[in-house]
Amino acid sequence: MPRRKRDEPHLSDAILRERMIFVNNFRNIRKEAKLTQKEIRNRTGFAQSWISELETGKSTINIDNMIILAHTLDTPLWKLLKP
């Protein structure tokens, strides 16, 4: 896996901004679907604590888990990534 240089803080800021786009879209679509974090946990097997940390930007997510969450919300992945 490629490594980021630690002396490039603008990359960290950009990564956080992009992650928060996903996080905010996920949370909004989850709430529109009237699903709780507990229901997402039951459908995915992901820990509720991780879902909570994800929704607050404290946890990271990989592409596989993004796809699982998109399917759980019955929404295309691109909607979760769209600014």
PDB file of N, CA and C in Angstrom:
ATOM      1  N   MET A   1       0.837  -1.161   0.000  1.00  0.00           N
ATOM      2  CA  MET A   1       0.000   0.000   0.000  1.00  0.00           C
ATOM      3  C   MET A   1       0.891   1.236   0.000  1.00  0.00           C
ATOM      4  N   PRO A   2       0.537   2.262  -0.793  1.00  0.00           N
ATOM      5  CA  PRO A   2       1.355   3.475  -0.823  1.00  0.00           C
ATOM      6  C   PRO A   2       1.296   4.204   0.516  1.00  0.00           C
ATOM      7  N   ARG A   3       2.393   4.832   0.836  1.00  0.00           N
ATOM      8  CA  ARG A   3       2.449   5.576   2.094  1.00  0.00           C
ATOM      9  C   ARG A   3       2.414   7.067   1.813  1.00  0.00           C
ATOM     10  N   ARG A   4       1.680   7.756   2.666  1.00  0.00           N
ATOM     11  CA  ARG A   4       1.623   9.206   2.584  1.00  0.00           C
ATOM     12  C   ARG A   4       2.791   9.804   3.350  1.00  0.00           C
ATOM     13  N   LYS A   5       3.275  10.936   2.851  1.00  0.00           N
ATOM     14  CA  LYS A   5       4.308  11.656   3.584  1.00  0.00           C
ATOM     15  C   LYS A   5       3.647  12.391   4.741  1.00  0.00           C
ATOM     16  N   ARG A   6       4.248  12.301   5.902  1.00  0.00           N
ATOM     17  CA  ARG A   6       3.674  12.935   7.084  1.00  0.00           C
ATOM     18  C   ARG A   6       3.761  14.459   7.026  1.00  0.00           C
ATOM     19  N   ASP A   7       4.607  14.998   6.167  1.00  0.00           N
ATOM     20  CA  ASP A   7       4.767  16.449   6.099  1.00  0.00           C
ATOM     21  C   ASP A   7       3.822  17.077   5.081  1.00  0.00           C
ATOM     22  N   GLU A   8       2.735  16.400   4.750  1.00  0.00           N
ATOM     23  CA  GLU A   8       1.762  16.938   3.812  1.00  0.00           C
ATOM     24  C   GLU A   8       0.401  17.045   4.494  1.00  0.00           C
ATOM     25  N   PRO A   9       0.256  18.009   5.424  1.00  0.00           N
ATOM     26  CA  PRO A   9      -0.997  18.114   6.175  1.00  0.00           C
ATOM     27  C   PRO A   9      -2.197  18.437   5.298  1.00  0.00           C
ATOM     28  N   HIS A  10      -1.977  19.085   4.153  1.00  0.00           N
ATOM     29  CA  HIS A  10      -3.108  19.405   3.277  1.00  0.00           C
ATOM     30  C   HIS A  10      -3.781  18.136   2.772  1.00  0.00           C
ATOM     31  N   LEU A  11      -3.017  17.046   2.658  1.00  0.00           N
ATOM     32  CA  LEU A  11      -3.615  15.770   2.258  1.00  0.00           C
ATOM     33  C   LEU A  11      -4.529  15.252   3.357  1.00  0.00           C
ATOM     34  N   SER A  12      -4.109  15.383   4.595  1.00  0.00           N
ATOM     35  CA  SER A  12      -4.950  14.948   5.713  1.00  0.00           C
ATOM     36  C   SER A  12      -6.245  15.738   5.749  1.00  0.00           C
ATOM     37  N   ASP A  13      -6.158  17.046   5.516  1.00  0.00           N
ATOM     38  CA  ASP A  13      -7.354  17.889   5.489  1.00  0.00           C
ATOM     39  C   ASP A  13      -8.280  17.479   4.352  1.00  0.00           C
ATOM     40  N   ALA A  14      -7.711  17.212   3.191  1.00  0.00           N
ATOM     41  CA  ALA A  14      -8.511  16.809   2.031  1.00  0.00           C
ATOM     42  C   ALA A  14      -9.180  15.463   2.282  1.00  0.00           C
ATOM     43  N   ILE A  15      -8.453  14.551   2.884  1.00  0.00           N
ATOM     44  CA  ILE A  15      -9.015  13.230   3.193  1.00  0.00           C
ATOM     45  C   ILE A  15     -10.170  13.372   4.177  1.00  0.00           C
ATOM     46  N   LEU A  16      -9.992  14.170   5.198  1.00  0.00           N
ATOM     47  CA  LEU A  16     -11.052  14.367   6.184  1.00  0.00           C
ATOM     48  C   LEU A  16     -12.289  14.992   5.536  1.00  0.00           C
ATOM     49  N   ARG A  17     -12.094  15.983   4.673  1.00  0.00           N
ATOM     50  CA  ARG A  17     -13.232  16.613   3.982  1.00  0.00           C
ATOM     51  C   ARG A  17     -14.001  15.592   3.159  1.00  0.00           C
ATOM     52  N   GLU A  18     -13.278  14.767   2.410  1.00  0.00           N
ATOM     53  CA  GLU A  18     -13.922  13.747   1.572  1.00  0.00           C
ATOM     54  C   GLU A  18     -14.641  12.709   2.435  1.00  0.00           C
ATOM     55  N   ARG A  19     -14.014  12.306   3.516  1.00  0.00           N
ATOM     56  CA  ARG A  19     -14.646  11.337   4.418  1.00  0.00           C
ATOM     57  C   ARG A  19     -15.936  11.909   4.993  1.00  0.00           C
ATOM     58  N   MET A  20     -15.914  13.188   5.364  1.00  0.00           N
ATOM     59  CA  MET A  20     -17.092  13.805   5.957  1.00  0.00           C
ATOM     60  C   MET A  20     -18.231  13.928   4.948  1.00  0.00           C
ATOM     61  N   ILE A  21     -17.924  14.041   3.671  1.00  0.00           N
ATOM     62  CA  ILE A  21     -18.982  14.021   2.653  1.00  0.00           C
ATOM     63  C   ILE A  21     -19.716  12.689   2.736  1.00  0.00           C
ATOM     64  N   PHE A  22     -18.959  11.594   2.749  1.00  0.00           N
ATOM     65  CA  PHE A  22     -19.569  10.267   2.857  1.00  0.00           C
ATOM     66  C   PHE A  22     -20.366  10.153   4.152  1.00  0.00           C
ATOM     67  N   VAL A  23     -19.755  10.539   5.254  1.00  0.00           N
ATOM     68  CA  VAL A  23     -20.371  10.410   6.575  1.00  0.00           C
ATOM     69  C   VAL A  23     -21.692  11.172   6.644  1.00  0.00           C
ATOM     70  N   ASN A  24     -21.689  12.413   6.201  1.00  0.00           N
ATOM     71  CA  ASN A  24     -22.909  13.222   6.262  1.00  0.00           C
ATOM     72  C   ASN A  24     -23.998  12.653   5.367  1.00  0.00           C
ATOM     73  N   ASN A  25     -23.621  12.222   4.171  1.00  0.00           N
ATOM     74  CA  ASN A  25     -24.610  11.625   3.273  1.00  0.00           C
ATOM     75  C   ASN A  25     -25.167  10.336   3.862  1.00  0.00           C
ATOM     76  N   PHE A  26     -24.305   9.505   4.408  1.00  0.00           N
ATOM     77  CA  PHE A  26     -24.751   8.254   5.019  1.00  0.00           C
ATOM     78  C   PHE A  26     -25.742   8.532   6.144  1.00  0.00           C
ATOM     79  N   ARG A  27     -25.372   9.415   7.051  1.00  0.00           N
ATOM     80  CA  ARG A  27     -26.240   9.720   8.194  1.00  0.00           C
ATOM     81  C   ARG A  27     -27.587  10.279   7.727  1.00  0.00           C
ATOM     82  N   ASN A  28     -27.558  11.211   6.768  1.00  0.00           N
ATOM     83  CA  ASN A  28     -28.803  11.813   6.279  1.00  0.00           C
ATOM     84  C   ASN A  28     -29.704  10.787   5.605  1.00  0.00           C
ATOM     85  N   ILE A  29     -29.133   9.942   4.763  1.00  0.00           N
ATOM     86  CA  ILE A  29     -29.934   8.927   4.070  1.00  0.00           C
ATOM     87  C   ILE A  29     -30.441   7.885   5.065  1.00  0.00           C
ATOM     88  N   ARG A  30     -29.625   7.531   6.043  1.00  0.00           N
ATOM     89  CA  ARG A  30     -30.070   6.589   7.079  1.00  0.00           C
ATOM     90  C   ARG A  30     -31.273   7.147   7.827  1.00  0.00           C
ATOM     91  N   LYS A  31     -31.204   8.421   8.200  1.00  0.00           N
ATOM     92  CA  LYS A  31     -32.309   9.037   8.937  1.00  0.00           C
ATOM     93  C   LYS A  31     -33.548   9.187   8.058  1.00  0.00           C
ATOM     94  N   GLU A  32     -33.357   9.539   6.778  1.00  0.00           N
ATOM     95  CA  GLU A  32     -34.494   9.630   5.856  1.00  0.00           C
ATOM     96  C   GLU A  32     -35.194   8.281   5.724  1.00  0.00           C
ATOM     97  N   ALA A  33     -34.415   7.211   5.789  1.00  0.00           N
ATOM     98  CA  ALA A  33     -34.970   5.854   5.707  1.00  0.00           C
ATOM     99  C   ALA A  33     -35.542   5.405   7.054  1.00  0.00           C
ATOM    100  N   LYS A  34     -35.444   6.285   8.057  1.00  0.00           N
ATOM    101  CA  LYS A  34     -35.936   5.997   9.405  1.00  0.00           C
ATOM    102  C   LYS A  34     -35.300   4.734  10.000  1.00  0.00           C
ATOM    103  N   LEU A  35     -33.998   4.611   9.757  1.00  0.00           N
ATOM    104  CA  LEU A  35     -33.232   3.494  10.308  1.00  0.00           C
ATOM    105  C   LEU A  35     -32.344   4.011  11.438  1.00  0.00           C
ATOM    106  N   THR A  36     -32.271   3.262  12.502  1.00  0.00           N
ATOM    107  CA  THR A  36     -31.379   3.614  13.606  1.00  0.00           C
ATOM    108  C   THR A  36     -30.016   2.965  13.377  1.00  0.00           C
ATOM    109  N   GLN A  37     -29.043   3.426  14.144  1.00  0.00           N
ATOM    110  CA  GLN A  37     -27.727   2.784  14.090  1.00  0.00           C
ATOM    111  C   GLN A  37     -27.846   1.317  14.497  1.00  0.00           C
ATOM    112  N   LYS A  38     -28.717   1.029  15.432  1.00  0.00           N
ATOM    113  CA  LYS A  38     -28.921  -0.352  15.882  1.00  0.00           C
ATOM    114  C   LYS A  38     -29.451  -1.215  14.730  1.00  0.00           C
ATOM    115  N   GLU A  39     -30.367  -0.664  13.935  1.00  0.00           N
ATOM    116  CA  GLU A  39     -30.902  -1.418  12.798  1.00  0.00           C
ATOM    117  C   GLU A  39     -29.823  -1.649  11.738  1.00  0.00           C
ATOM    118  N   ILE A  40     -28.970  -0.646  11.540  1.00  0.00           N
ATOM    119  CA  ILE A  40     -27.846  -0.824  10.605  1.00  0.00           C
ATOM    120  C   ILE A  40     -26.935  -1.933  11.134  1.00  0.00           C
ATOM    121  N   ARG A  41     -26.678  -1.916  12.426  1.00  0.00           N
ATOM    122  CA  ARG A  41     -25.866  -2.971  13.056  1.00  0.00           C
ATOM    123  C   ARG A  41     -26.470  -4.345  12.808  1.00  0.00           C
ATOM    124  N   ASN A  42     -27.776  -4.459  13.013  1.00  0.00           N
ATOM    125  CA  ASN A  42     -28.447  -5.749  12.839  1.00  0.00           C
ATOM    126  C   ASN A  42     -28.390  -6.239  11.392  1.00  0.00           C
ATOM    127  N   ARG A  43     -28.424  -5.309  10.458  1.00  0.00           N
ATOM    128  CA  ARG A  43     -28.421  -5.683   9.041  1.00  0.00           C
ATOM    129  C   ARG A  43     -27.025  -5.971   8.500  1.00  0.00           C
ATOM    130  N   THR A  44     -26.009  -5.367   9.118  1.00  0.00           N
ATOM    131  CA  THR A  44     -24.651  -5.498   8.575  1.00  0.00           C
ATOM    132  C   THR A  44     -23.720  -6.336   9.445  1.00  0.00           C
ATOM    133  N   GLY A  45     -24.001  -6.378  10.721  1.00  0.00           N
ATOM    134  CA  GLY A  45     -23.079  -7.033  11.647  1.00  0.00           C
ATOM    135  C   GLY A  45     -21.974  -6.104  12.128  1.00  0.00           C
ATOM    136  N   PHE A  46     -21.968  -4.855  11.654  1.00  0.00           N
ATOM    137  CA  PHE A  46     -20.983  -3.881  12.123  1.00  0.00           C
ATOM    138  C   PHE A  46     -21.354  -3.456  13.543  1.00  0.00           C
ATOM    139  N   ALA A  47     -20.351  -3.208  14.362  1.00  0.00           N
ATOM    140  CA  ALA A  47     -20.599  -2.758  15.730  1.00  0.00           C
ATOM    141  C   ALA A  47     -21.286  -1.395  15.711  1.00  0.00           C
ATOM    142  N   GLN A  48     -22.271  -1.228  16.591  1.00  0.00           N
ATOM    143  CA  GLN A  48     -22.954   0.057  16.672  1.00  0.00           C
ATOM    144  C   GLN A  48     -21.975   1.160  17.061  1.00  0.00           C
ATOM    145  N   SER A  49     -21.006   0.837  17.913  1.00  0.00           N
ATOM    146  CA  SER A  49     -20.011   1.839  18.309  1.00  0.00           C
ATOM    147  C   SER A  49     -19.213   2.314  17.102  1.00  0.00           C
ATOM    148  N   TRP A  50     -18.887   1.407  16.165  1.00  0.00           N
ATOM    149  CA  TRP A  50     -18.156   1.795  14.963  1.00  0.00           C
ATOM    150  C   TRP A  50     -19.027   2.678  14.070  1.00  0.00           C
ATOM    151  N   ILE A  51     -20.305   2.340  13.950  1.00  0.00           N
ATOM    152  CA  ILE A  51     -21.222   3.153  13.144  1.00  0.00           C
ATOM    153  C   ILE A  51     -21.298   4.560  13.727  1.00  0.00           C
ATOM    154  N   SER A  52     -21.385   4.650  15.036  1.00  0.00           N
ATOM    155  CA  SER A  52     -21.413   5.950  15.704  1.00  0.00           C
ATOM    156  C   SER A  52     -20.127   6.727  15.454  1.00  0.00           C
ATOM    157  N   GLU A  53     -18.992   6.060  15.600  1.00  0.00           N
ATOM    158  CA  GLU A  53     -17.703   6.720  15.346  1.00  0.00           C
ATOM    159  C   GLU A  53     -17.585   7.138  13.887  1.00  0.00           C
ATOM    160  N   LEU A  54     -18.090   6.327  12.992  1.00  0.00           N
ATOM    161  CA  LEU A  54     -18.073   6.671  11.573  1.00  0.00           C
ATOM    162  C   LEU A  54     -18.885   7.937  11.329  1.00  0.00           C
ATOM    163  N   GLU A  55     -20.077   7.997  11.909  1.00  0.00           N
ATOM    164  CA  GLU A  55     -20.966   9.137  11.690  1.00  0.00           C
ATOM    165  C   GLU A  55     -20.445  10.431  12.304  1.00  0.00           C
ATOM    166  N   THR A  56     -19.500  10.336  13.203  1.00  0.00           N
ATOM    167  CA  THR A  56     -18.913  11.540  13.788  1.00  0.00           C
ATOM    168  C   THR A  56     -17.531  11.839  13.210  1.00  0.00           C
ATOM    169  N   GLY A  57     -17.115  11.033  12.240  1.00  0.00           N
ATOM    170  CA  GLY A  57     -15.828  11.262  11.591  1.00  0.00           C
ATOM    171  C   GLY A  57     -14.636  10.769  12.390  1.00  0.00           C
ATOM    172  N   LYS A  58     -14.875  10.005  13.441  1.00  0.00           N
ATOM    173  CA  LYS A  58     -13.786   9.515  14.289  1.00  0.00           C
ATOM    174  C   LYS A  58     -13.200   8.199  13.804  1.00  0.00           C
ATOM    175  N   SER A  59     -13.885   7.549  12.873  1.00  0.00           N
ATOM    176  CA  SER A  59     -13.424   6.264  12.366  1.00  0.00           C
ATOM    177  C   SER A  59     -13.291   6.333  10.851  1.00  0.00           C
ATOM    178  N   THR A  60     -12.429   5.512  10.314  1.00  0.00           N
ATOM    179  CA  THR A  60     -12.252   5.450   8.862  1.00  0.00           C
ATOM    180  C   THR A  60     -13.095   4.309   8.303  1.00  0.00           C
ATOM    181  N   ILE A  61     -13.211   4.287   6.975  1.00  0.00           N
ATOM    182  CA  ILE A  61     -13.995   3.249   6.319  1.00  0.00           C
ATOM    183  C   ILE A  61     -13.298   2.854   5.028  1.00  0.00           C
ATOM    184  N   ASN A  62     -13.390   1.588   4.678  1.00  0.00           N
ATOM    185  CA  ASN A  62     -12.811   1.145   3.408  1.00  0.00           C
ATOM    186  C   ASN A  62     -13.920   1.001   2.367  1.00  0.00           C
ATOM    187  N   ILE A  63     -13.535   0.819   1.137  1.00  0.00           N
ATOM    188  CA  ILE A  63     -14.498   0.777   0.039  1.00  0.00           C
ATOM    189  C   ILE A  63     -15.471  -0.382   0.186  1.00  0.00           C
ATOM    190  N   ASP A  64     -15.014  -1.520   0.662  1.00  0.00           N
ATOM    191  CA  ASP A  64     -15.908  -2.668   0.835  1.00  0.00           C
ATOM    192  C   ASP A  64     -17.041  -2.339   1.809  1.00  0.00           C
ATOM    193  N   ASN A  65     -16.693  -1.703   2.918  1.00  0.00           N
ATOM    194  CA  ASN A  65     -17.715  -1.351   3.903  1.00  0.00           C
ATOM    195  C   ASN A  65     -18.620  -0.232   3.403  1.00  0.00           C
ATOM    196  N   MET A  66     -18.089   0.664   2.572  1.00  0.00           N
ATOM    197  CA  MET A  66     -18.941   1.675   1.945  1.00  0.00           C
ATOM    198  C   MET A  66     -20.020   1.002   1.100  1.00  0.00           C
ATOM    199  N   ILE A  67     -19.612   0.006   0.340  1.00  0.00           N
ATOM    200  CA  ILE A  67     -20.550  -0.715  -0.528  1.00  0.00           C
ATOM    201  C   ILE A  67     -21.600  -1.434   0.310  1.00  0.00           C
ATOM    202  N   ILE A  68     -21.181  -2.071   1.386  1.00  0.00           N
ATOM    203  CA  ILE A  68     -22.129  -2.766   2.267  1.00  0.00           C
ATOM    204  C   ILE A  68     -23.149  -1.779   2.829  1.00  0.00           C
ATOM    205  N   LEU A  69     -22.689  -0.620   3.287  1.00  0.00           N
ATOM    206  CA  LEU A  69     -23.609   0.372   3.841  1.00  0.00           C
ATOM    207  C   LEU A  69     -24.548   0.917   2.771  1.00  0.00           C
ATOM    208  N   ALA A  70     -24.041   1.137   1.580  1.00  0.00           N
ATOM    209  CA  ALA A  70     -24.897   1.613   0.484  1.00  0.00           C
ATOM    210  C   ALA A  70     -25.997   0.595   0.195  1.00  0.00           C
ATOM    211  N   HIS A  71     -25.635  -0.670   0.107  1.00  0.00           N
ATOM    212  CA  HIS A  71     -26.629  -1.723  -0.139  1.00  0.00           C
ATOM    213  C   HIS A  71     -27.637  -1.803   1.006  1.00  0.00           C
ATOM    214  N   THR A  72     -27.168  -1.623   2.216  1.00  0.00           N
ATOM    215  CA  THR A  72     -28.052  -1.663   3.381  1.00  0.00           C
ATOM    216  C   THR A  72     -29.088  -0.544   3.317  1.00  0.00           C
ATOM    217  N   LEU A  73     -28.677   0.603   2.789  1.00  0.00           N
ATOM    218  CA  LEU A  73     -29.596   1.736   2.643  1.00  0.00           C
ATOM    219  C   LEU A  73     -30.369   1.679   1.326  1.00  0.00           C
ATOM    220  N   ASP A  74     -30.088   0.666   0.515  1.00  0.00           N
ATOM    221  CA  ASP A  74     -30.722   0.518  -0.795  1.00  0.00           C
ATOM    222  C   ASP A  74     -30.517   1.781  -1.640  1.00  0.00           C
ATOM    223  N   THR A  75     -29.270   2.245  -1.626  1.00  0.00           N
ATOM    224  CA  THR A  75     -28.919   3.445  -2.382  1.00  0.00           C
ATOM    225  C   THR A  75     -27.612   3.201  -3.119  1.00  0.00           C
ATOM    226  N   PRO A  76     -27.443   3.801  -4.298  1.00  0.00           N
ATOM    227  CA  PRO A  76     -26.173   3.614  -5.002  1.00  0.00           C
ATOM    228  C   PRO A  76     -25.021   4.286  -4.241  1.00  0.00           C
ATOM    229  N   LEU A  77     -23.863   3.686  -4.312  1.00  0.00           N
ATOM    230  CA  LEU A  77     -22.697   4.214  -3.604  1.00  0.00           C
ATOM    231  C   LEU A  77     -22.407   5.658  -3.989  1.00  0.00           C
ATOM    232  N   TRP A  78     -22.588   5.993  -5.255  1.00  0.00           N
ATOM    233  CA  TRP A  78     -22.253   7.360  -5.685  1.00  0.00           C
ATOM    234  C   TRP A  78     -23.052   8.405  -4.915  1.00  0.00           C
ATOM    235  N   LYS A  79     -24.257   8.080  -4.473  1.00  0.00           N
ATOM    236  CA  LYS A  79     -25.042   9.056  -3.708  1.00  0.00           C
ATOM    237  C   LYS A  79     -24.407   9.343  -2.351  1.00  0.00           C
ATOM    238  N   LEU A  80     -23.694   8.376  -1.828  1.00  0.00           N
ATOM    239  CA  LEU A  80     -23.019   8.586  -0.547  1.00  0.00           C
ATOM    240  C   LEU A  80     -21.721   9.372  -0.715  1.00  0.00           C
ATOM    241  N   LEU A  81     -21.217   9.419  -1.929  1.00  0.00           N
ATOM    242  CA  LEU A  81     -19.946  10.098  -2.193  1.00  0.00           C
ATOM    243  C   LEU A  81     -20.117  11.470  -2.836  1.00  0.00           C
ATOM    244  N   LYS A  82     -21.341  11.805  -3.204  1.00  0.00           N
ATOM    245  CA  LYS A  82     -21.593  13.055  -3.938  1.00  0.00           C
ATOM    246  C   LYS A  82     -21.603  14.252  -2.986  1.00  0.00           C
ATOM    247  N   PRO A  83     -20.779  15.251  -3.286  1.00  0.00           N
ATOM    248  CA  PRO A  83     -20.765  16.459  -2.434  1.00  0.00           C
ATOM    249  C   PRO A  83     -22.093  17.207  -2.475  1.00  0.00           C
TER     250      PRO A  83
END
